[in-house]
PDB file of N, CA and C in Angstrom:
ATOM      1  N   MET A   1       0.831  -1.234  -0.009  1.00  0.00           N
ATOM      2  CA  MET A   1      -0.119   0.003   0.061  1.00  0.00           C
ATOM      3  C   MET A   1       0.932   1.242  -0.015  1.00  0.00           C
ATOM      4  N   SER A   2       2.055   1.223   0.678  1.00  0.00           N
ATOM      5  CA  SER A   2       2.784   2.344   0.735  1.00  0.00           C
ATOM      6  C   SER A   2       3.428   2.668  -0.818  1.00  0.00           C
ATOM      7  N   LEU A   3       3.709   1.653  -1.596  1.00  0.00           N
ATOM      8  CA  LEU A   3       3.927   1.999  -2.875  1.00  0.00           C
ATOM      9  C   LEU A   3       2.968   2.551  -3.729  1.00  0.00           C
ATOM     10  N   ILE A   4       1.794   2.043  -3.502  1.00  0.00           N
ATOM     11  CA  ILE A   4       0.578   2.580  -4.354  1.00  0.00           C
ATOM     12  C   ILE A   4       0.326   4.011  -3.920  1.00  0.00           C
ATOM     13  N   ASN A   5       0.451   4.382  -2.630  1.00  0.00           N
ATOM     14  CA  ASN A   5       0.138   5.599  -2.106  1.00  0.00           C
ATOM     15  C   ASN A   5       0.958   6.750  -2.724  1.00  0.00           C
ATOM     16  N   ARG A   6       1.977   6.370  -3.226  1.00  0.00           N
ATOM     17  CA  ARG A   6       3.114   7.303  -3.799  1.00  0.00           C
ATOM     18  C   ARG A   6       2.402   7.928  -5.205  1.00  0.00           C
ATOM     19  N   PHE A   7       1.505   7.263  -5.810  1.00  0.00           N
ATOM     20  CA  PHE A   7       0.974   7.559  -7.108  1.00  0.00           C
ATOM     21  C   PHE A   7      -0.383   8.189  -6.867  1.00  0.00           C
ATOM     22  N   ILE A   8      -0.756   8.465  -5.751  1.00  0.00           N
ATOM     23  CA  ILE A   8      -2.116   9.021  -5.405  1.00  0.00           C
ATOM     24  C   ILE A   8      -1.901  10.570  -4.858  1.00  0.00           C
ATOM     25  N   SER A   9      -2.773  11.415  -5.163  1.00  0.00           N
ATOM     26  CA  SER A   9      -2.671  12.859  -4.681  1.00  0.00           C
ATOM     27  C   SER A   9      -3.292  12.824  -3.273  1.00  0.00           C
ATOM     28  N   GLU A  10      -3.227  14.070  -2.659  1.00  0.00           N
ATOM     29  CA  GLU A  10      -3.762  14.170  -1.366  1.00  0.00           C
ATOM     30  C   GLU A  10      -5.263  14.112  -1.461  1.00  0.00           C
ATOM     31  N   GLN A  11      -6.058  14.326  -2.492  1.00  0.00           N
ATOM     32  CA  GLN A  11      -7.422  14.314  -2.548  1.00  0.00           C
ATOM     33  C   GLN A  11      -7.857  12.847  -2.890  1.00  0.00           C
ATOM     34  N   GLY A  12      -6.908  12.019  -3.163  1.00  0.00           N
ATOM     35  CA  GLY A  12      -7.178  10.509  -3.454  1.00  0.00           C
ATOM     36  C   GLY A  12      -7.328  10.302  -5.145  1.00  0.00           C
ATOM     37  N   LYS A  13      -6.831  11.319  -5.984  1.00  0.00           N
ATOM     38  CA  LYS A  13      -6.871  11.134  -7.313  1.00  0.00           C
ATOM     39  C   LYS A  13      -5.605  10.494  -7.775  1.00  0.00           C
ATOM     40  N   ILE A  14      -5.624   9.703  -8.895  1.00  0.00           N
ATOM     41  CA  ILE A  14      -4.549   9.112  -9.602  1.00  0.00           C
ATOM     42  C   ILE A  14      -3.706  10.114 -10.261  1.00  0.00           C
ATOM     43  N   LEU A  15      -2.393  10.343  -9.910  1.00  0.00           N
ATOM     44  CA  LEU A  15      -1.517  11.169 -10.579  1.00  0.00           C
ATOM     45  C   LEU A  15      -1.312  10.962 -11.930  1.00  0.00           C
ATOM     46  N   SER A  16      -0.898  11.914 -12.791  1.00  0.00           N
ATOM     47  CA  SER A  16      -0.570  11.715 -14.176  1.00  0.00           C
ATOM     48  C   SER A  16       0.728  11.171 -14.439  1.00  0.00           C
ATOM     49  N   ARG A  17       0.836  10.638 -15.679  1.00  0.00           N
ATOM     50  CA  ARG A  17       2.153   9.977 -16.022  1.00  0.00           C
ATOM     51  C   ARG A  17       3.209  11.111 -16.060  1.00  0.00           C
ATOM     52  N   ARG A  18       3.079  12.267 -16.440  1.00  0.00           N
ATOM     53  CA  ARG A  18       4.108  13.223 -16.307  1.00  0.00           C
ATOM     54  C   ARG A  18       4.606  13.523 -14.962  1.00  0.00           C
ATOM     55  N   ILE A  19       3.572  13.529 -14.012  1.00  0.00           N
ATOM     56  CA  ILE A  19       4.009  13.743 -12.663  1.00  0.00           C
ATOM     57  C   ILE A  19       4.846  12.489 -11.983  1.00  0.00           C
ATOM     58  N   ASN A  20       4.157  11.437 -12.400  1.00  0.00           N
ATOM     59  CA  ASN A  20       4.858  10.105 -11.883  1.00  0.00           C
ATOM     60  C   ASN A  20       6.285   9.743 -12.627  1.00  0.00           C
ATOM     61  N   ARG A  21       6.335  10.276 -13.830  1.00  0.00           N
ATOM     62  CA  ARG A  21       7.479   9.937 -14.812  1.00  0.00           C
ATOM     63  C   ARG A  21       7.411   8.312 -14.970  1.00  0.00           C
ATOM     64  N   LEU A  22       6.174   7.835 -15.329  1.00  0.00           N
ATOM     65  CA  LEU A  22       6.341   6.487 -15.743  1.00  0.00           C
ATOM     66  C   LEU A  22       6.009   6.192 -17.286  1.00  0.00           C
ATOM     67  N   THR A  23       6.273   5.237 -17.762  1.00  0.00           N
ATOM     68  CA  THR A  23       5.923   4.954 -19.181  1.00  0.00           C
ATOM     69  C   THR A  23       4.430   4.572 -19.147  1.00  0.00           C
ATOM     70  N   LEU A  24       3.934   4.442 -20.359  1.00  0.00           N
ATOM     71  CA  LEU A  24       2.569   4.176 -20.649  1.00  0.00           C
ATOM     72  C   LEU A  24       2.095   2.807 -20.020  1.00  0.00           C
ATOM     73  N   LYS A  25       2.894   1.771 -20.252  1.00  0.00           N
ATOM     74  CA  LYS A  25       2.701   0.504 -19.638  1.00  0.00           C
ATOM     75  C   LYS A  25       2.691   0.418 -18.209  1.00  0.00           C
ATOM     76  N   GLN A  26       3.668   1.256 -17.625  1.00  0.00           N
ATOM     77  CA  GLN A  26       3.636   1.297 -16.179  1.00  0.00           C
ATOM     78  C   GLN A  26       2.428   2.042 -15.516  1.00  0.00           C
ATOM     79  N   GLN A  27       2.159   3.145 -16.062  1.00  0.00           N
ATOM     80  CA  GLN A  27       0.894   3.904 -15.632  1.00  0.00           C
ATOM     81  C   GLN A  27      -0.353   3.160 -15.721  1.00  0.00           C
ATOM     82  N   ARG A  28      -0.522   2.358 -16.813  1.00  0.00           N
ATOM     83  CA  ARG A  28      -1.714   1.366 -16.900  1.00  0.00           C
ATOM     84  C   ARG A  28      -1.554   0.429 -15.780  1.00  0.00           C
ATOM     85  N   LEU A  29      -0.638  -0.136 -15.495  1.00  0.00           N
ATOM     86  CA  LEU A  29      -0.445  -1.274 -14.461  1.00  0.00           C
ATOM     87  C   LEU A  29      -0.735  -0.657 -13.102  1.00  0.00           C
ATOM     88  N   ILE A  30      -0.148   0.648 -12.657  1.00  0.00           N
ATOM     89  CA  ILE A  30      -0.361   1.377 -11.509  1.00  0.00           C
ATOM     90  C   ILE A  30      -1.837   1.648 -11.389  1.00  0.00           C
ATOM     91  N   THR A  31      -2.553   2.248 -12.529  1.00  0.00           N
ATOM     92  CA  THR A  31      -4.007   2.606 -12.438  1.00  0.00           C
ATOM     93  C   THR A  31      -4.685   1.357 -12.105  1.00  0.00           C
ATOM     94  N   LEU A  32      -4.342   0.245 -12.749  1.00  0.00           N
ATOM     95  CA  LEU A  32      -5.306  -1.126 -12.423  1.00  0.00           C
ATOM     96  C   LEU A  32      -5.049  -1.569 -10.919  1.00  0.00           C
ATOM     97  N   ALA A  33      -3.732  -1.363 -10.568  1.00  0.00           N
ATOM     98  CA  ALA A  33      -3.476  -1.778  -9.126  1.00  0.00           C
ATOM     99  C   ALA A  33      -4.260  -0.913  -8.158  1.00  0.00           C
ATOM    100  N   ILE A  34      -4.405   0.562  -8.336  1.00  0.00           N
ATOM    101  CA  ILE A  34      -5.113   1.428  -7.716  1.00  0.00           C
ATOM    102  C   ILE A  34      -6.642   1.126  -7.688  1.00  0.00           C
ATOM    103  N   LYS A  35      -7.177   0.798  -8.728  1.00  0.00           N
ATOM    104  CA  LYS A  35      -8.641   0.508  -8.997  1.00  0.00           C
ATOM    105  C   LYS A  35      -8.940  -0.695  -8.154  1.00  0.00           C
ATOM    106  N   GLN A  36      -8.097  -1.900  -8.344  1.00  0.00           N
ATOM    107  CA  GLN A  36      -8.310  -2.999  -7.683  1.00  0.00           C
ATOM    108  C   GLN A  36      -8.197  -2.815  -5.960  1.00  0.00           C
ATOM    109  N   ALA A  37      -7.271  -2.130  -5.709  1.00  0.00           N
ATOM    110  CA  ALA A  37      -7.135  -1.778  -4.033  1.00  0.00           C
ATOM    111  C   ALA A  37      -8.353  -1.014  -3.557  1.00  0.00           C
ATOM    112  N   ARG A  38      -8.818  -0.072  -4.439  1.00  0.00           N
ATOM    113  CA  ARG A  38     -10.129   0.484  -4.120  1.00  0.00           C
ATOM    114  C   ARG A  38     -11.315  -0.419  -4.004  1.00  0.00           C
ATOM    115  N   ILE A  39     -11.426  -1.185  -4.913  1.00  0.00           N
ATOM    116  CA  ILE A  39     -12.552  -2.128  -4.969  1.00  0.00           C
ATOM    117  C   ILE A  39     -12.371  -3.201  -3.755  1.00  0.00           C
ATOM    118  N   LEU A  40     -11.183  -3.642  -3.496  1.00  0.00           N
ATOM    119  CA  LEU A  40     -11.015  -4.391  -2.280  1.00  0.00           C
ATOM    120  C   LEU A  40     -11.000  -3.700  -0.980  1.00  0.00           C
ATOM    121  N   SER A  41     -11.256  -2.290  -0.974  1.00  0.00           N
ATOM    122  CA  SER A  41     -11.294  -1.464   0.112  1.00  0.00           C
ATOM    123  C   SER A  41      -9.951  -1.496   0.905  1.00  0.00           C
ATOM    124  N   PHE A  42      -8.833  -1.520   0.099  1.00  0.00           N
ATOM    125  CA  PHE A  42      -7.526  -1.320   0.708  1.00  0.00           C
ATOM    126  C   PHE A  42      -7.252   0.238   0.788  1.00  0.00           C
ATOM    127  N   LEU A  43      -7.808   0.858  -0.251  1.00  0.00           N
ATOM    128  CA  LEU A  43      -7.824   2.357  -0.365  1.00  0.00           C
ATOM    129  C   LEU A  43      -9.137   2.927  -0.469  1.00  0.00           C
ATOM    130  N   PRO A  44      -9.393   4.175   0.001  1.00  0.00           N
ATOM    131  CA  PRO A  44     -10.536   4.751  -0.131  1.00  0.00           C
ATOM    132  C   PRO A  44     -10.785   5.306  -1.622  1.00  0.00           C
ATOM    133  N   PHE A  45     -12.033   5.537  -2.031  1.00  0.00           N
ATOM    134  CA  PHE A  45     -12.151   6.146  -3.234  1.00  0.00           C
ATOM    135  C   PHE A  45     -11.870   7.656  -3.320  1.00  0.00           C
ATOM    136  N   ARG A  46     -12.216   8.218  -2.061  1.00  0.00           N
ATOM    137  CA  ARG A  46     -11.878   9.643  -1.879  1.00  0.00           C
ATOM    138  C   ARG A  46     -11.229   9.724  -0.501  1.00  0.00           C
ATOM    139  N   ASN A  47     -10.490  10.705  -0.307  1.00  0.00           N
ATOM    140  CA  ASN A  47      -9.755  11.038   1.023  1.00  0.00           C
ATOM    141  C   ASN A  47     -10.594  12.053   1.531  1.00  0.00           C
ATOM    142  N   TYR A  48     -11.510  11.714   2.409  1.00  0.00           N
ATOM    143  CA  TYR A  48     -12.380  12.848   3.114  1.00  0.00           C
ATOM    144  C   TYR A  48     -11.654  13.694   3.970  1.00  0.00           C
ATOM    145  N   GLU A  49     -10.635  13.213   4.839  1.00  0.00           N
ATOM    146  CA  GLU A  49      -9.963  14.145   5.816  1.00  0.00           C
ATOM    147  C   GLU A  49      -9.179  15.309   5.019  1.00  0.00           C
ATOM    148  N   ASN A  50      -8.386  14.923   4.036  1.00  0.00           N
ATOM    149  CA  ASN A  50      -7.804  15.938   3.283  1.00  0.00           C
ATOM    150  C   ASN A  50      -8.736  16.941   2.498  1.00  0.00           C
ATOM    151  N   GLU A  51      -9.877  16.203   1.996  1.00  0.00           N
ATOM    152  CA  GLU A  51     -10.853  16.996   1.335  1.00  0.00           C
ATOM    153  C   GLU A  51     -11.496  18.034   2.089  1.00  0.00           C
ATOM    154  N   LYS A  52     -11.712  17.645   3.490  1.00  0.00           N
ATOM    155  CA  LYS A  52     -12.277  18.695   4.256  1.00  0.00           C
ATOM    156  C   LYS A  52     -11.458  19.985   4.572  1.00  0.00           C
ATOM    157  N   GLN A  53     -10.182  19.547   4.697  1.00  0.00           N
ATOM    158  CA  GLN A  53      -9.136  20.495   4.871  1.00  0.00           C
ATOM    159  C   GLN A  53      -9.053  21.536   3.799  1.00  0.00           C
ATOM    160  N   PHE A  54      -9.111  20.769   2.502  1.00  0.00           N
ATOM    161  CA  PHE A  54      -9.042  21.459   1.284  1.00  0.00           C
ATOM    162  C   PHE A  54     -10.212  22.413   1.084  1.00  0.00           C
ATOM    163  N   GLN A  55     -11.345  21.978   1.347  1.00  0.00           N
ATOM    164  CA  GLN A  55     -12.565  22.760   1.179  1.00  0.00           C
ATOM    165  C   GLN A  55     -12.527  23.988   2.136  1.00  0.00           C
ATOM    166  N   ALA A  56     -12.050  23.762   3.548  1.00  0.00           N
ATOM    167  CA  ALA A  56     -12.054  24.671   4.599  1.00  0.00           C
ATOM    168  C   ALA A  56     -11.081  25.778   3.928  1.00  0.00           C
ATOM    169  N   GLN A  57     -10.044  25.523   3.472  1.00  0.00           N
ATOM    170  CA  GLN A  57      -9.046  26.552   2.818  1.00  0.00           C
ATOM    171  C   GLN A  57      -9.615  27.276   1.836  1.00  0.00           C
ATOM    172  N   SER A  58     -10.280  26.584   0.805  1.00  0.00           N
ATOM    173  CA  SER A  58     -10.933  27.204  -0.423  1.00  0.00           C
ATOM    174  C   SER A  58     -11.949  28.090   0.094  1.00  0.00           C
ATOM    175  N   ILE A  59     -12.678  27.690   1.107  1.00  0.00           N
ATOM    176  CA  ILE A  59     -13.919  28.667   1.463  1.00  0.00           C
ATOM    177  C   ILE A  59     -13.226  29.825   2.223  1.00  0.00           C
ATOM    178  N   SER A  60     -12.219  29.706   2.963  1.00  0.00           N
ATOM    179  CA  SER A  60     -11.682  30.863   3.542  1.00  0.00           C
ATOM    180  C   SER A  60     -11.015  31.825   2.682  1.00  0.00           C
ATOM    181  N   ILE A  61     -10.483  31.228   1.515  1.00  0.00           N
ATOM    182  CA  ILE A  61      -9.872  32.089   0.374  1.00  0.00           C
ATOM    183  C   ILE A  61     -10.939  32.985  -0.367  1.00  0.00           C
ATOM    184  N   ILE A  62     -12.147  32.106  -0.623  1.00  0.00           N
ATOM    185  CA  ILE A  62     -13.078  32.774  -1.364  1.00  0.00           C
ATOM    186  C   ILE A  62     -13.968  33.790  -0.484  1.00  0.00           C
ATOM    187  N   THR A  63     -14.244  33.476   0.752  1.00  0.00           N
ATOM    188  CA  THR A  63     -14.990  34.370   1.659  1.00  0.00           C
ATOM    189  C   THR A  63     -14.040  35.425   2.491  1.00  0.00           C
ATOM    190  N   GLY A  64     -12.760  35.319   2.391  1.00  0.00           N
ATOM    191  CA  GLY A  64     -11.741  36.111   3.041  1.00  0.00           C
ATOM    192  C   GLY A  64     -12.273  37.429   3.798  1.00  0.00           C
ATOM    193  N   SER A  65     -11.633  37.722   4.939  1.00  0.00           N
ATOM    194  CA  SER A  65     -12.126  38.777   5.763  1.00  0.00           C
ATOM    195  C   SER A  65     -11.807  40.184   5.140  1.00  0.00           C
ATOM    196  N   ARG A  66     -11.167  40.331   3.980  1.00  0.00           N
ATOM    197  CA  ARG A  66     -10.798  41.530   3.415  1.00  0.00           C
ATOM    198  C   ARG A  66     -12.106  42.138   2.664  1.00  0.00           C
ATOM    199  N   PRO A  67     -12.146  43.468   2.985  1.00  0.00           N
ATOM    200  CA  PRO A  67     -13.392  44.102   2.397  1.00  0.00           C
ATOM    201  C   PRO A  67     -13.190  44.112   0.760  1.00  0.00           C
ATOM    202  N   ARG A  68     -14.316  44.035   0.145  1.00  0.00           N
ATOM    203  CA  ARG A  68     -13.987  44.381  -1.279  1.00  0.00           C
ATOM    204  C   ARG A  68     -13.933  45.724  -1.671  1.00  0.00           C
ATOM    205  N   LYS A  69     -13.151  45.767  -2.899  1.00  0.00           N
ATOM    206  CA  LYS A  69     -12.756  47.186  -3.283  1.00  0.00           C
ATOM    207  C   LYS A  69     -14.096  47.842  -3.823  1.00  0.00           C
ATOM    208  N   ASN A  70     -14.397  49.086  -3.625  1.00  0.00           N
ATOM    209  CA  ASN A  70     -15.527  49.701  -4.245  1.00  0.00           C
ATOM    210  C   ASN A  70     -15.152  49.944  -5.709  1.00  0.00           C
ATOM    211  N   ARG A  71     -16.085  49.673  -6.567  1.00  0.00           N
ATOM    212  CA  ARG A  71     -15.926  49.890  -8.049  1.00  0.00           C
ATOM    213  C   ARG A  71     -16.162  51.237  -8.382  1.00  0.00           C
ATOM    214  N   HIS A  72     -15.475  51.956  -9.123  1.00  0.00           N
ATOM    215  CA  HIS A  72     -15.948  53.298  -9.433  1.00  0.00           C
ATOM    216  C   HIS A  72     -16.845  53.245 -10.683  1.00  0.00           C
ATOM    217  N   ILE A  73     -18.181  53.181 -10.495  1.00  0.00           N
ATOM    218  CA  ILE A  73     -19.062  53.093 -11.522  1.00  0.00           C
ATOM    219  C   ILE A  73     -19.251  54.316 -12.305  1.00  0.00           C
ATOM    220  N   PRO A  74     -19.229  55.639 -11.657  1.00  0.00           N
ATOM    221  CA  PRO A  74     -19.359  56.771 -12.423  1.00  0.00           C
ATOM    222  C   PRO A  74     -18.217  56.896 -13.373  1.00  0.00           C
ATOM    223  N   GLN A  75     -16.903  56.497 -13.143  1.00  0.00           N
ATOM    224  CA  GLN A  75     -15.958  56.557 -14.077  1.00  0.00           C
ATOM    225  C   GLN A  75     -16.138  55.555 -15.184  1.00  0.00           C
ATOM    226  N   LEU A  76     -16.844  54.447 -15.021  1.00  0.00           N
ATOM    227  CA  LEU A  76     -17.066  53.342 -16.007  1.00  0.00           C
ATOM    228  C   LEU A  76     -18.120  54.022 -16.847  1.00  0.00           C
ATOM    229  N   THR A  77     -19.045  54.693 -16.291  1.00  0.00           N
ATOM    230  CA  THR A  77     -20.141  55.224 -17.226  1.00  0.00           C
ATOM    231  C   THR A  77     -19.721  56.471 -18.001  1.00  0.00           C
ATOM    232  N   GLU A  78     -18.820  57.227 -17.494  1.00  0.00           N
ATOM    233  CA  GLU A  78     -18.119  58.354 -18.108  1.00  0.00           C
ATOM    234  C   GLU A  78     -17.408  57.912 -19.376  1.00  0.00           C
ATOM    235  N   LYS A  79     -16.669  56.774 -19.190  1.00  0.00           N
ATOM    236  CA  LYS A  79     -15.831  56.361 -20.341  1.00  0.00           C
ATOM    237  C   LYS A  79     -16.758  55.824 -21.404  1.00  0.00           C
ATOM    238  N   TYR A  80     -17.861  55.149 -20.882  1.00  0.00           N
ATOM    239  CA  TYR A  80     -18.727  54.577 -21.921  1.00  0.00           C
ATOM    240  C   TYR A  80     -19.434  55.648 -22.744  1.00  0.00           C
ATOM    241  N   ASN A  81     -19.967  56.719 -21.925  1.00  0.00           N
ATOM    242  CA  ASN A  81     -20.525  57.728 -22.661  1.00  0.00           C
ATOM    243  C   ASN A  81     -19.485  58.418 -23.613  1.00  0.00           C
ATOM    244  N   TYR A  82     -18.242  58.613 -23.132  1.00  0.00           N
ATOM    245  CA  TYR A  82     -17.397  59.281 -24.032  1.00  0.00           C
ATOM    246  C   TYR A  82     -17.139  58.512 -25.319  1.00  0.00           C
ATOM    247  N   ASN A  83     -17.060  57.120 -25.225  1.00  0.00           N
ATOM    248  CA  ASN A  83     -16.965  56.162 -26.317  1.00  0.00           C
ATOM    249  C   ASN A  83     -18.132  56.459 -27.324  1.00  0.00           C
ATOM    250  N   ARG A  84     -19.503  56.285 -26.645  1.00  0.00           N
ATOM    251  CA  ARG A  84     -20.656  56.349 -27.335  1.00  0.00           C
ATOM    252  C   ARG A  84     -20.763  57.689 -28.247  1.00  0.00           C
ATOM    253  N   ASN A  85     -20.320  58.873 -27.422  1.00  0.00           N
ATOM    254  CA  ASN A  85     -20.408  60.096 -28.112  1.00  0.00           C
ATOM    255  C   ASN A  85     -19.360  60.094 -29.435  1.00  0.00           C
ATOM    256  N   LEU A  86     -18.149  59.625 -29.183  1.00  0.00           N
ATOM    257  CA  LEU A  86     -17.195  59.625 -30.317  1.00  0.00           C
ATOM    258  C   LEU A  86     -17.645  58.828 -31.506  1.00  0.00           C
ATOM    259  N   ARG A  87     -18.274  57.697 -31.196  1.00  0.00           N
ATOM    260  CA  ARG A  87     -18.814  56.876 -32.221  1.00  0.00           C
ATOM    261  C   ARG A  87     -20.042  57.628 -32.934  1.00  0.00           C
ATOM    262  N   ASN A  88     -20.843  58.253 -32.270  1.00  0.00           N
ATOM    263  CA  ASN A  88     -21.911  59.149 -32.764  1.00  0.00           C
ATOM    264  C   ASN A  88     -21.162  60.135 -33.729  1.00  0.00           C
ATOM    265  N   TYR A  89     -20.226  60.863 -33.154  1.00  0.00           N
ATOM    266  CA  TYR A  89     -19.687  62.053 -33.892  1.00  0.00           C
ATOM    267  C   TYR A  89     -18.994  61.372 -35.242  1.00  0.00           C
ATOM    268  N   ASN A  90     -18.267  60.358 -35.066  1.00  0.00           N
ATOM    269  CA  ASN A  90     -17.740  59.655 -36.273  1.00  0.00           C
ATOM    270  C   ASN A  90     -18.892  59.209 -37.482  1.00  0.00           C
ATOM    271  N   GLN A  91     -19.931  58.734 -36.875  1.00  0.00           N
ATOM    272  CA  GLN A  91     -21.023  58.399 -37.769  1.00  0.00           C
ATOM    273  C   GLN A  91     -21.623  59.676 -38.476  1.00  0.00           C
ATOM    274  N   ASN A  92     -21.719  60.777 -37.773  1.00  0.00           N
ATOM    275  CA  ASN A  92     -22.283  61.960 -38.213  1.00  0.00           C
ATOM    276  C   ASN A  92     -21.366  62.506 -39.349  1.00  0.00           C
ATOM    277  N   LEU A  93     -19.996  62.432 -39.087  1.00  0.00           N
ATOM    278  CA  LEU A  93     -19.201  62.894 -40.205  1.00  0.00           C
ATOM    279  C   LEU A  93     -19.134  62.088 -41.320  1.00  0.00           C
ATOM    280  N   ARG A  94     -19.200  60.722 -41.267  1.00  0.00           N
ATOM    281  CA  ARG A  94     -19.467  59.776 -42.370  1.00  0.00           C
ATOM    282  C   ARG A  94     -20.750  60.123 -43.282  1.00  0.00           C
ATOM    283  N   ASN A  95     -21.828  60.457 -42.414  1.00  0.00           N
ATOM    284  CA  ASN A  95     -22.928  60.737 -43.111  1.00  0.00           C
ATOM    285  C   ASN A  95     -22.879  62.128 -43.822  1.00  0.00           C
ATOM    286  N   ASN A  96     -22.220  63.126 -43.182  1.00  0.00           N
ATOM    287  CA  ASN A  96     -22.058  64.431 -43.847  1.00  0.00           C
ATOM    288  C   ASN A  96     -21.271  64.185 -45.204  1.00  0.00           C
ATOM    289  N   ASN A  97     -20.254  63.540 -45.118  1.00  0.00           N
ATOM    290  CA  ASN A  97     -19.338  63.274 -46.310  1.00  0.00           C
ATOM    291  C   ASN A  97     -20.236  62.556 -47.396  1.00  0.00           C
ATOM    292  N   ARG A  98     -20.970  61.704 -47.035  1.00  0.00           N
ATOM    293  CA  ARG A  98     -21.797  61.027 -48.171  1.00  0.00           C
ATOM    294  C   ARG A  98     -22.863  61.965 -48.751  1.00  0.00           C
ATOM    295  N   ASN A  99     -23.410  62.729 -47.944  1.00  0.00           N
ATOM    296  CA  ASN A  99     -24.343  63.816 -48.293  1.00  0.00           C
ATOM    297  C   ASN A  99     -23.660  64.866 -49.209  1.00  0.00           C
ATOM    298  N   LEU A 100     -22.295  65.225 -48.966  1.00  0.00           N
ATOM    299  CA  LEU A 100     -21.764  66.144 -49.690  1.00  0.00           C
ATOM    300  C   LEU A 100     -21.361  65.444 -50.887  1.00  0.00           C
ATOM    301  N   SER A 101     -20.837  64.299 -50.967  1.00  0.00           N
ATOM    302  CA  SER A 101     -20.437  63.638 -52.248  1.00  0.00           C
ATOM    303  C   SER A 101     -21.750  63.343 -53.144  1.00  0.00           C
ATOM    304  N   SER A 102     -22.811  63.110 -52.547  1.00  0.00           N
ATOM    305  CA  SER A 102     -23.997  62.977 -53.356  1.00  0.00           C
ATOM    306  C   SER A 102     -24.504  64.123 -54.113  1.00  0.00           C
ATOM    307  N   ASP A 103     -24.257  65.273 -53.537  1.00  0.00           N
ATOM    308  CA  ASP A 103     -24.818  66.494 -54.049  1.00  0.00           C
ATOM    309  C   ASP A 103     -23.949  66.839 -55.018  1.00  0.00           C
ATOM    310  N   CYS A 104     -22.676  66.612 -55.308  1.00  0.00           N
ATOM    311  CA  CYS A 104     -21.814  67.074 -56.346  1.00  0.00           C
ATOM    312  C   CYS A 104     -22.193  66.472 -57.716  1.00  0.00           C
TER     313      CYS A 104
END
């Protein structure tokens, strides 16, 4: 079991070939051995103890005690309005040029 445990992550997942540095044939044999050990209940399908710690850490990271930064919505709307006005101005210029060229 100590040999098989080297090829399993803390969450109980089978590590990839790149991490294990195994050949394809060796990885297949290890995968079969791990699956058989799980079926025979030598290994758990999931490692609940480490998973609870992992969830607690991820929840503390997500909910963190830091206050959220205030977003400057007025600045965003000003920028949006500026871009919209610029587009309208360019459109009006194009229309005026078309009108001038059609009059000639």
